């Protein structure tokens, strides 16, 4: 399905995996802080984010997965980062704080209710703070059928550049699209 307002493409709910089946897929991930290739992958978001966020800023890594790594990289750079993941780090206290930056790497495409989750994240981001998102942006629709990213059964929502432009407009946020998969939004 495709939203005519913002260009978001999404899988109807009846095709979602159960929570158990979804977690089973995530358990196959072998990401960890000692993996230099994984760190290089995460650098696509890390590098532009630390150019904008000063040392000492505190953040939240949403959807940190079974081997939180971006939070480790950020802490190593002097930016302490809390982690939250509904399966691996379901720490409810993170919602009682506010943050100078929030990261989500390879997370948005898994959200069953992206509008609700993004609204919750935006609510705990401090004014002037940055939300850093890494997710493959939707290719032209005539290429969607052959797009590998849609083949993962846990990927249920796909953001187009227009989707992020829509969000930025709704939130009156500064928007920066970097490459094909990094999005930065700054809260006014």
N, C-alpha and C. Protein backbone atom coordinates (compact mmCIF):
# COMPACT_ATOMS: atom_id res chain seq x y z
N UNK A 1 0.85 -1.17 0.00
CA UNK A 1 0.00 0.00 0.00
C UNK A 1 0.90 1.23 0.00
N UNK A 2 0.35 2.33 -0.53
CA UNK A 2 1.12 3.58 -0.58
C UNK A 2 0.27 4.74 -0.13
N UNK A 3 0.83 5.54 0.78
CA UNK A 3 0.14 6.73 1.28
C UNK A 3 0.25 7.83 0.23
N UNK A 4 -0.89 8.37 -0.15
CA UNK A 4 -0.89 9.43 -1.16
C UNK A 4 -0.44 10.77 -0.59
N UNK A 5 -0.49 10.92 0.74
CA UNK A 5 -0.08 12.19 1.35
C UNK A 5 1.44 12.31 1.47
N UNK A 6 2.10 11.20 1.83
CA UNK A 6 3.54 11.31 2.13
C UNK A 6 4.41 10.34 1.35
N UNK A 7 3.83 9.46 0.52
CA UNK A 7 4.63 8.55 -0.29
C UNK A 7 5.12 7.31 0.45
N UNK A 8 4.77 7.15 1.72
CA UNK A 8 5.17 5.98 2.49
C UNK A 8 4.55 4.72 1.89
N UNK A 9 5.34 3.68 1.75
CA UNK A 9 4.84 2.38 1.29
C UNK A 9 4.86 1.45 2.49
N UNK A 10 3.76 0.72 2.68
CA UNK A 10 3.67 -0.13 3.87
C UNK A 10 2.95 -1.43 3.57
N UNK A 11 3.28 -2.42 4.37
CA UNK A 11 2.67 -3.75 4.27
C UNK A 11 1.42 -3.74 5.14
N UNK A 12 0.29 -4.25 4.65
CA UNK A 12 -0.91 -4.33 5.50
C UNK A 12 -0.65 -5.21 6.72
N UNK A 13 -1.27 -4.84 7.83
CA UNK A 13 -1.04 -5.49 9.12
C UNK A 13 -1.26 -7.01 9.07
N UNK A 14 -2.17 -7.47 8.27
CA UNK A 14 -2.45 -8.92 8.25
C UNK A 14 -1.24 -9.75 7.79
N UNK A 15 -0.23 -9.09 7.19
CA UNK A 15 0.98 -9.78 6.74
C UNK A 15 2.15 -9.66 7.71
N UNK A 16 1.95 -8.99 8.85
CA UNK A 16 3.03 -8.85 9.83
C UNK A 16 3.35 -10.20 10.44
N UNK A 17 4.62 -10.41 10.76
CA UNK A 17 5.03 -11.59 11.51
C UNK A 17 4.55 -11.43 12.96
N UNK A 18 4.41 -12.54 13.65
CA UNK A 18 4.14 -12.47 15.09
C UNK A 18 5.40 -11.93 15.77
N UNK A 19 5.25 -11.47 17.00
CA UNK A 19 6.41 -10.97 17.74
C UNK A 19 7.48 -12.04 17.89
N UNK A 20 7.06 -13.27 18.17
CA UNK A 20 8.02 -14.37 18.32
C UNK A 20 8.78 -14.64 17.02
N UNK A 21 8.07 -14.66 15.91
CA UNK A 21 8.71 -14.90 14.62
C UNK A 21 9.63 -13.75 14.24
N UNK A 22 9.21 -12.54 14.58
CA UNK A 22 10.03 -11.37 14.30
C UNK A 22 11.33 -11.43 15.12
N UNK A 23 11.23 -11.71 16.40
CA UNK A 23 12.43 -11.80 17.25
C UNK A 23 13.34 -12.93 16.77
N UNK A 24 12.76 -14.02 16.32
CA UNK A 24 13.57 -15.13 15.81
C UNK A 24 14.45 -14.66 14.65
N UNK A 25 13.90 -13.81 13.79
CA UNK A 25 14.69 -13.26 12.68
C UNK A 25 15.82 -12.38 13.22
N UNK A 26 15.51 -11.54 14.21
CA UNK A 26 16.52 -10.62 14.76
C UNK A 26 17.61 -11.37 15.50
N UNK A 27 17.28 -12.52 16.06
CA UNK A 27 18.28 -13.30 16.79
C UNK A 27 19.40 -13.80 15.87
N UNK A 28 19.17 -13.81 14.57
CA UNK A 28 20.20 -14.22 13.61
C UNK A 28 21.25 -13.12 13.39
N UNK A 29 20.92 -11.88 13.78
CA UNK A 29 21.87 -10.78 13.59
C UNK A 29 23.08 -11.01 14.47
N UNK A 30 24.24 -10.79 13.90
CA UNK A 30 25.49 -10.98 14.64
C UNK A 30 26.28 -9.68 14.69
N UNK A 31 25.60 -8.63 15.07
CA UNK A 31 26.23 -7.32 15.16
C UNK A 31 26.77 -7.11 16.56
N UNK A 32 28.01 -6.62 16.66
CA UNK A 32 28.60 -6.35 17.96
C UNK A 32 29.69 -5.29 17.81
N UNK A 33 30.01 -4.61 18.92
CA UNK A 33 30.95 -3.49 18.86
C UNK A 33 32.35 -3.81 18.34
N UNK A 34 32.78 -5.05 18.45
CA UNK A 34 34.13 -5.40 17.99
C UNK A 34 34.20 -5.64 16.48
N UNK A 35 33.07 -5.67 15.81
CA UNK A 35 33.01 -5.93 14.37
C UNK A 35 33.31 -4.64 13.61
N UNK A 36 34.49 -4.54 13.03
CA UNK A 36 34.90 -3.32 12.35
C UNK A 36 34.06 -3.04 11.10
N UNK A 37 33.61 -4.08 10.43
CA UNK A 37 32.75 -3.87 9.26
C UNK A 37 31.41 -3.27 9.67
N UNK A 38 30.87 -3.73 10.79
CA UNK A 38 29.60 -3.19 11.27
C UNK A 38 29.79 -1.73 11.69
N UNK A 39 30.90 -1.44 12.34
CA UNK A 39 31.18 -0.05 12.72
C UNK A 39 31.28 0.84 11.47
N UNK A 40 31.91 0.33 10.44
CA UNK A 40 32.01 1.11 9.19
C UNK A 40 30.63 1.36 8.59
N UNK A 41 29.79 0.36 8.63
CA UNK A 41 28.41 0.50 8.16
C UNK A 41 27.69 1.60 8.95
N UNK A 42 27.78 1.55 10.28
CA UNK A 42 27.12 2.53 11.14
C UNK A 42 27.70 3.92 10.98
N UNK A 43 28.93 4.02 10.51
CA UNK A 43 29.58 5.32 10.33
C UNK A 43 28.84 6.20 9.33
N UNK A 44 28.04 5.60 8.49
CA UNK A 44 27.25 6.41 7.54
C UNK A 44 26.32 7.35 8.29
N UNK A 45 25.83 6.96 9.46
CA UNK A 45 25.04 7.85 10.30
C UNK A 45 25.91 8.53 11.36
N UNK A 46 26.81 7.78 11.95
CA UNK A 46 27.67 8.30 13.02
C UNK A 46 28.42 9.55 12.59
N UNK A 47 29.10 9.50 11.45
CA UNK A 47 29.96 10.61 11.02
C UNK A 47 29.19 11.93 10.85
N UNK A 48 28.10 11.96 10.09
CA UNK A 48 27.41 13.25 9.97
C UNK A 48 26.74 13.69 11.28
N UNK A 49 26.36 12.74 12.12
CA UNK A 49 25.72 13.10 13.38
C UNK A 49 26.70 13.79 14.32
N UNK A 50 27.91 13.23 14.47
CA UNK A 50 28.85 13.84 15.42
C UNK A 50 29.39 15.17 14.92
N UNK A 51 29.23 15.46 13.63
CA UNK A 51 29.57 16.80 13.13
C UNK A 51 28.59 17.84 13.66
N UNK A 52 27.39 17.40 14.03
CA UNK A 52 26.33 18.31 14.44
C UNK A 52 26.04 18.29 15.95
N UNK A 53 26.46 17.24 16.61
CA UNK A 53 26.16 17.05 18.04
C UNK A 53 27.47 17.18 18.82
N UNK A 54 27.54 18.14 19.75
CA UNK A 54 28.80 18.35 20.47
C UNK A 54 29.09 17.26 21.49
N UNK A 55 30.37 17.06 21.79
CA UNK A 55 30.72 16.14 22.88
C UNK A 55 30.01 16.57 24.16
N UNK A 56 29.63 15.59 24.95
CA UNK A 56 28.89 15.85 26.18
C UNK A 56 27.40 15.75 26.01
N UNK A 57 26.91 15.83 24.76
CA UNK A 57 25.48 15.68 24.51
C UNK A 57 25.06 14.25 24.84
N UNK A 58 23.86 14.11 25.37
CA UNK A 58 23.34 12.79 25.74
C UNK A 58 22.26 12.37 24.77
N UNK A 59 22.29 11.08 24.39
CA UNK A 59 21.36 10.61 23.39
C UNK A 59 20.69 9.30 23.72
N UNK A 60 19.84 8.88 22.80
CA UNK A 60 19.11 7.62 22.87
C UNK A 60 19.28 6.90 21.55
N UNK A 61 19.66 5.63 21.62
CA UNK A 61 19.69 4.78 20.43
C UNK A 61 18.47 3.89 20.49
N UNK A 62 17.49 4.17 19.64
CA UNK A 62 16.22 3.45 19.61
C UNK A 62 16.32 2.28 18.63
N UNK A 63 16.04 1.08 19.13
CA UNK A 63 16.15 -0.12 18.30
C UNK A 63 17.58 -0.60 18.24
N UNK A 64 18.22 -0.63 19.38
CA UNK A 64 19.66 -0.92 19.46
C UNK A 64 20.02 -2.34 19.08
N UNK A 65 19.05 -3.26 19.08
CA UNK A 65 19.30 -4.64 18.66
C UNK A 65 20.02 -5.46 19.71
N UNK A 66 20.38 -6.70 19.34
CA UNK A 66 20.99 -7.62 20.30
C UNK A 66 22.45 -7.29 20.63
N UNK A 67 23.10 -6.49 19.81
CA UNK A 67 24.50 -6.12 20.07
C UNK A 67 24.70 -4.64 19.88
N UNK A 68 24.21 -3.82 20.83
CA UNK A 68 24.33 -2.37 20.67
C UNK A 68 25.75 -1.95 20.32
N UNK A 69 25.87 -1.21 19.23
CA UNK A 69 27.19 -0.78 18.76
C UNK A 69 27.25 0.72 18.54
N UNK A 70 26.23 1.29 17.93
CA UNK A 70 26.25 2.73 17.69
C UNK A 70 26.34 3.47 19.02
N UNK A 71 25.64 3.00 20.03
CA UNK A 71 25.71 3.65 21.35
C UNK A 71 27.13 3.59 21.91
N UNK A 72 27.83 2.51 21.66
CA UNK A 72 29.22 2.38 22.11
C UNK A 72 30.10 3.38 21.36
N UNK A 73 29.91 3.46 20.04
CA UNK A 73 30.68 4.40 19.24
C UNK A 73 30.44 5.84 19.70
N UNK A 74 29.19 6.17 19.98
CA UNK A 74 28.86 7.52 20.42
C UNK A 74 29.46 7.81 21.80
N UNK A 75 29.37 6.84 22.70
CA UNK A 75 29.97 7.02 24.03
C UNK A 75 31.49 7.19 23.92
N UNK A 76 32.12 6.42 23.05
CA UNK A 76 33.56 6.55 22.83
C UNK A 76 33.94 7.94 22.33
N UNK A 77 33.00 8.57 21.62
CA UNK A 77 33.26 9.92 21.09
C UNK A 77 32.85 11.01 22.08
N UNK A 78 32.47 10.61 23.30
CA UNK A 78 32.11 11.59 24.33
C UNK A 78 30.66 11.98 24.34
N UNK A 79 29.80 11.16 23.74
CA UNK A 79 28.37 11.42 23.68
C UNK A 79 27.62 10.23 24.29
N UNK A 80 27.44 10.24 25.62
CA UNK A 80 26.80 9.09 26.27
C UNK A 80 25.41 8.83 25.71
N UNK A 81 25.10 7.55 25.51
CA UNK A 81 23.88 7.18 24.81
C UNK A 81 23.17 6.03 25.52
N UNK A 82 21.91 6.26 25.86
CA UNK A 82 21.05 5.20 26.40
C UNK A 82 20.61 4.32 25.24
N UNK A 83 20.22 3.09 25.55
CA UNK A 83 19.70 2.20 24.51
C UNK A 83 18.28 1.76 24.86
N UNK A 84 17.50 1.58 23.79
CA UNK A 84 16.16 1.03 23.94
C UNK A 84 15.92 0.10 22.75
N UNK A 85 15.39 -1.05 23.05
CA UNK A 85 14.97 -1.99 22.01
C UNK A 85 13.81 -2.80 22.60
N UNK A 86 12.70 -2.91 21.88
CA UNK A 86 11.56 -3.62 22.45
C UNK A 86 11.82 -5.09 22.76
N UNK A 87 12.80 -5.70 22.09
CA UNK A 87 13.12 -7.10 22.32
C UNK A 87 14.32 -7.30 23.24
N UNK A 88 15.35 -6.48 23.09
CA UNK A 88 16.63 -6.72 23.76
C UNK A 88 16.94 -5.74 24.89
N UNK A 89 16.33 -4.60 24.90
CA UNK A 89 16.58 -3.60 25.95
C UNK A 89 15.31 -2.79 26.17
N UNK A 90 14.25 -3.45 26.66
CA UNK A 90 12.96 -2.76 26.84
C UNK A 90 12.94 -1.92 28.13
N UNK A 91 13.77 -0.90 28.16
CA UNK A 91 13.92 -0.08 29.35
C UNK A 91 12.91 1.07 29.34
N UNK A 92 11.82 0.95 30.08
CA UNK A 92 10.78 1.99 30.03
C UNK A 92 11.23 3.34 30.59
N UNK A 93 12.28 3.36 31.41
CA UNK A 93 12.72 4.62 32.00
C UNK A 93 13.23 5.60 30.94
N UNK A 94 13.63 5.12 29.76
CA UNK A 94 14.16 6.04 28.75
C UNK A 94 13.10 7.07 28.31
N UNK A 95 11.84 6.74 28.49
CA UNK A 95 10.76 7.65 28.06
C UNK A 95 10.51 8.74 29.10
N UNK A 96 11.18 8.68 30.24
CA UNK A 96 11.04 9.69 31.29
C UNK A 96 12.13 10.75 31.21
N UNK A 97 12.96 10.70 30.18
CA UNK A 97 14.07 11.63 30.00
C UNK A 97 13.92 12.33 28.66
N UNK A 98 14.73 13.35 28.46
CA UNK A 98 14.82 13.99 27.14
C UNK A 98 16.27 13.90 26.68
N UNK A 99 16.45 14.01 25.36
CA UNK A 99 17.76 13.75 24.76
C UNK A 99 18.13 14.85 23.77
N UNK A 100 19.44 15.04 23.63
CA UNK A 100 19.95 16.01 22.66
C UNK A 100 20.09 15.41 21.27
N UNK A 101 20.05 14.09 21.20
CA UNK A 101 20.00 13.41 19.91
C UNK A 101 19.38 12.03 20.10
N UNK A 102 18.79 11.54 19.03
CA UNK A 102 18.19 10.20 19.00
C UNK A 102 18.62 9.56 17.70
N UNK A 103 19.02 8.29 17.77
CA UNK A 103 19.39 7.56 16.57
C UNK A 103 18.48 6.34 16.39
N UNK A 104 18.23 6.01 15.15
CA UNK A 104 17.54 4.77 14.78
C UNK A 104 18.24 4.25 13.53
N UNK A 105 18.94 3.14 13.65
CA UNK A 105 19.64 2.59 12.49
C UNK A 105 19.00 1.26 12.10
N UNK A 106 18.54 1.24 10.88
CA UNK A 106 17.88 0.04 10.34
C UNK A 106 16.74 -0.39 11.26
N UNK A 107 15.90 0.57 11.64
CA UNK A 107 14.80 0.34 12.58
C UNK A 107 13.45 0.72 11.97
N UNK A 108 13.36 1.89 11.33
CA UNK A 108 12.06 2.38 10.90
C UNK A 108 11.32 1.41 9.99
N UNK A 109 12.04 0.67 9.19
CA UNK A 109 11.40 -0.26 8.26
C UNK A 109 10.70 -1.41 8.98
N UNK A 110 10.96 -1.58 10.29
CA UNK A 110 10.36 -2.65 11.08
C UNK A 110 9.13 -2.20 11.86
N UNK A 111 8.88 -0.90 11.93
CA UNK A 111 7.84 -0.39 12.82
C UNK A 111 6.43 -0.68 12.31
N UNK A 112 5.64 -1.30 13.17
CA UNK A 112 4.26 -1.61 12.81
C UNK A 112 3.38 -0.37 12.89
N UNK A 113 3.74 0.56 13.74
CA UNK A 113 3.00 1.81 13.88
C UNK A 113 4.00 2.99 13.85
N UNK A 114 4.52 3.27 12.68
CA UNK A 114 5.60 4.26 12.59
C UNK A 114 5.19 5.66 13.06
N UNK A 115 3.98 6.08 12.77
CA UNK A 115 3.56 7.43 13.19
C UNK A 115 3.59 7.55 14.71
N UNK A 116 3.09 6.53 15.42
CA UNK A 116 3.09 6.56 16.88
C UNK A 116 4.51 6.55 17.45
N UNK A 117 5.35 5.68 16.92
CA UNK A 117 6.72 5.58 17.43
C UNK A 117 7.52 6.85 17.15
N UNK A 118 7.38 7.39 15.96
CA UNK A 118 8.11 8.62 15.63
C UNK A 118 7.63 9.79 16.49
N UNK A 119 6.34 9.85 16.74
CA UNK A 119 5.80 10.91 17.61
C UNK A 119 6.37 10.77 19.02
N UNK A 120 6.44 9.55 19.52
CA UNK A 120 6.99 9.31 20.86
C UNK A 120 8.47 9.72 20.90
N UNK A 121 9.23 9.35 19.87
CA UNK A 121 10.65 9.73 19.83
C UNK A 121 10.81 11.26 19.78
N UNK A 122 10.02 11.89 18.92
CA UNK A 122 10.11 13.35 18.76
C UNK A 122 9.78 14.05 20.09
N UNK A 123 8.88 13.46 20.87
CA UNK A 123 8.47 14.08 22.13
C UNK A 123 9.58 14.08 23.18
N UNK A 124 10.55 13.17 23.08
CA UNK A 124 11.64 13.14 24.06
C UNK A 124 12.94 13.74 23.50
N UNK A 125 12.87 14.32 22.32
CA UNK A 125 14.01 15.03 21.74
C UNK A 125 13.94 16.49 22.17
N UNK A 126 15.04 17.00 22.71
CA UNK A 126 15.08 18.38 23.17
C UNK A 126 15.05 19.35 21.99
N UNK A 127 14.52 20.55 22.20
CA UNK A 127 14.61 21.57 21.15
C UNK A 127 16.07 21.79 20.74
N UNK A 128 16.28 21.88 19.45
CA UNK A 128 17.63 22.01 18.90
C UNK A 128 18.33 20.68 18.70
N UNK A 129 17.69 19.59 19.16
CA UNK A 129 18.28 18.27 19.06
C UNK A 129 18.12 17.66 17.68
N UNK A 130 18.90 16.63 17.43
CA UNK A 130 18.91 15.95 16.13
C UNK A 130 18.36 14.53 16.25
N UNK A 131 17.54 14.15 15.29
CA UNK A 131 17.14 12.75 15.13
C UNK A 131 17.86 12.22 13.91
N UNK A 132 18.67 11.19 14.11
CA UNK A 132 19.43 10.58 13.03
C UNK A 132 18.81 9.24 12.68
N UNK A 133 18.44 9.09 11.44
CA UNK A 133 17.74 7.89 10.96
C UNK A 133 18.56 7.25 9.85
N UNK A 134 18.70 5.94 9.93
CA UNK A 134 19.30 5.21 8.82
C UNK A 134 18.33 4.12 8.40
N UNK A 135 17.79 4.27 7.21
CA UNK A 135 16.92 3.28 6.59
C UNK A 135 16.98 3.54 5.09
N UNK A 136 16.97 2.51 4.30
CA UNK A 136 17.00 2.69 2.84
C UNK A 136 15.76 3.44 2.40
N UNK A 137 15.97 4.51 1.64
CA UNK A 137 14.83 5.24 1.12
C UNK A 137 14.30 4.53 -0.13
N UNK A 138 13.02 4.65 -0.28
CA UNK A 138 12.27 4.00 -1.35
C UNK A 138 12.84 4.37 -2.72
N UNK A 139 13.07 3.38 -3.57
CA UNK A 139 13.51 3.68 -4.94
C UNK A 139 12.31 4.14 -5.77
N UNK A 140 12.53 4.57 -7.00
CA UNK A 140 11.39 4.86 -7.87
C UNK A 140 10.46 3.64 -7.92
N UNK A 141 9.16 3.90 -7.94
CA UNK A 141 8.19 2.80 -7.82
C UNK A 141 8.34 1.74 -8.90
N UNK A 142 8.84 2.13 -10.09
CA UNK A 142 9.01 1.12 -11.13
C UNK A 142 10.16 0.16 -10.83
N UNK A 143 10.98 0.47 -9.80
CA UNK A 143 12.07 -0.41 -9.39
C UNK A 143 11.74 -1.20 -8.12
N UNK A 144 10.58 -0.94 -7.53
CA UNK A 144 10.24 -1.55 -6.24
C UNK A 144 10.17 -3.07 -6.33
N UNK A 145 9.62 -3.62 -7.38
CA UNK A 145 9.46 -5.07 -7.50
C UNK A 145 10.79 -5.81 -7.41
N UNK A 146 11.87 -5.19 -7.86
CA UNK A 146 13.18 -5.83 -7.85
C UNK A 146 14.08 -5.36 -6.70
N UNK A 147 13.54 -4.59 -5.80
CA UNK A 147 14.30 -4.01 -4.70
C UNK A 147 14.49 -5.05 -3.61
N UNK A 148 15.73 -5.42 -3.31
CA UNK A 148 16.03 -6.46 -2.32
C UNK A 148 15.53 -6.12 -0.92
N UNK A 149 15.52 -4.86 -0.56
CA UNK A 149 15.21 -4.42 0.80
C UNK A 149 13.80 -4.83 1.23
N UNK A 150 12.89 -4.92 0.30
CA UNK A 150 11.50 -5.28 0.62
C UNK A 150 11.34 -6.77 0.87
N UNK A 151 12.35 -7.58 0.58
CA UNK A 151 12.22 -9.03 0.70
C UNK A 151 12.37 -9.56 2.12
N UNK A 152 12.87 -8.75 3.02
CA UNK A 152 12.98 -9.16 4.42
C UNK A 152 11.57 -9.14 5.02
N UNK A 153 11.08 -10.25 5.55
CA UNK A 153 9.70 -10.28 6.06
C UNK A 153 9.46 -9.40 7.28
N UNK A 154 10.53 -8.91 7.92
CA UNK A 154 10.37 -8.00 9.05
C UNK A 154 10.31 -6.54 8.58
N UNK A 155 10.60 -6.28 7.32
CA UNK A 155 10.52 -4.92 6.77
C UNK A 155 9.09 -4.68 6.31
N UNK A 156 8.40 -3.78 7.00
CA UNK A 156 6.97 -3.59 6.71
C UNK A 156 6.61 -2.15 6.36
N UNK A 157 7.59 -1.25 6.39
CA UNK A 157 7.31 0.14 6.03
C UNK A 157 8.55 0.73 5.36
N UNK A 158 8.31 1.48 4.29
CA UNK A 158 9.40 2.01 3.48
C UNK A 158 9.18 3.50 3.26
N UNK A 159 10.16 4.28 3.69
CA UNK A 159 10.06 5.73 3.63
C UNK A 159 10.67 6.24 2.33
N UNK A 160 9.96 7.11 1.67
CA UNK A 160 10.47 7.82 0.50
C UNK A 160 11.06 9.15 0.98
N UNK A 161 11.81 9.80 0.13
CA UNK A 161 12.28 11.15 0.47
C UNK A 161 11.09 12.03 0.83
N UNK A 162 9.99 11.87 0.09
CA UNK A 162 8.78 12.66 0.34
C UNK A 162 8.21 12.38 1.73
N UNK A 163 8.39 11.16 2.23
CA UNK A 163 7.91 10.82 3.57
C UNK A 163 8.63 11.66 4.62
N UNK A 164 9.94 11.79 4.45
CA UNK A 164 10.72 12.59 5.40
C UNK A 164 10.45 14.08 5.22
N UNK A 165 10.20 14.52 3.99
CA UNK A 165 9.82 15.91 3.76
C UNK A 165 8.48 16.21 4.43
N UNK A 166 7.56 15.26 4.38
CA UNK A 166 6.27 15.39 5.04
C UNK A 166 6.45 15.53 6.55
N UNK A 167 7.28 14.63 7.13
CA UNK A 167 7.55 14.70 8.58
C UNK A 167 8.16 16.05 8.96
N UNK A 168 9.16 16.47 8.21
CA UNK A 168 9.82 17.74 8.50
C UNK A 168 8.82 18.89 8.46
N UNK A 169 7.92 18.86 7.52
CA UNK A 169 6.90 19.89 7.41
C UNK A 169 5.95 19.86 8.62
N UNK A 170 5.52 18.66 9.00
CA UNK A 170 4.63 18.50 10.15
C UNK A 170 5.28 18.98 11.44
N UNK A 171 6.57 18.73 11.58
CA UNK A 171 7.30 19.06 12.81
C UNK A 171 8.02 20.40 12.74
N UNK A 172 7.93 21.08 11.59
CA UNK A 172 8.67 22.32 11.38
C UNK A 172 10.17 22.11 11.63
N UNK A 173 10.67 20.97 11.17
CA UNK A 173 12.04 20.55 11.43
C UNK A 173 12.94 20.83 10.24
N UNK A 174 14.21 21.03 10.53
CA UNK A 174 15.22 21.10 9.48
C UNK A 174 15.47 19.67 9.01
N UNK A 175 15.54 19.48 7.71
CA UNK A 175 15.72 18.15 7.12
C UNK A 175 16.99 18.12 6.30
N UNK A 176 17.78 17.05 6.49
CA UNK A 176 18.95 16.81 5.67
C UNK A 176 18.93 15.34 5.24
N UNK A 177 18.90 15.10 3.94
CA UNK A 177 18.97 13.75 3.38
C UNK A 177 20.40 13.53 2.90
N UNK A 178 21.02 12.47 3.40
CA UNK A 178 22.43 12.19 3.08
C UNK A 178 22.51 10.81 2.44
N UNK A 179 23.05 10.75 1.23
CA UNK A 179 23.14 9.47 0.54
C UNK A 179 21.75 8.88 0.35
N UNK A 180 21.71 7.55 0.22
CA UNK A 180 20.43 6.87 -0.02
C UNK A 180 19.77 6.33 1.23
N UNK A 181 20.41 6.56 2.41
CA UNK A 181 19.82 5.92 3.59
C UNK A 181 19.96 6.69 4.90
N UNK A 182 20.52 7.89 4.89
CA UNK A 182 20.66 8.64 6.12
C UNK A 182 19.79 9.90 6.05
N UNK A 183 19.04 10.11 7.12
CA UNK A 183 18.16 11.26 7.24
C UNK A 183 18.43 11.92 8.59
N UNK A 184 18.60 13.22 8.58
CA UNK A 184 18.76 13.96 9.82
C UNK A 184 17.64 15.00 9.92
N UNK A 185 17.00 15.05 11.08
CA UNK A 185 15.94 16.00 11.36
C UNK A 185 16.33 16.77 12.61
N UNK A 186 16.28 18.10 12.54
CA UNK A 186 16.60 18.92 13.71
C UNK A 186 15.34 19.57 14.23
N UNK A 187 15.12 19.38 15.52
CA UNK A 187 13.92 19.93 16.17
C UNK A 187 14.09 21.42 16.39
N UNK A 188 13.07 22.21 16.03
CA UNK A 188 13.20 23.67 16.23
C UNK A 188 13.21 24.03 17.72
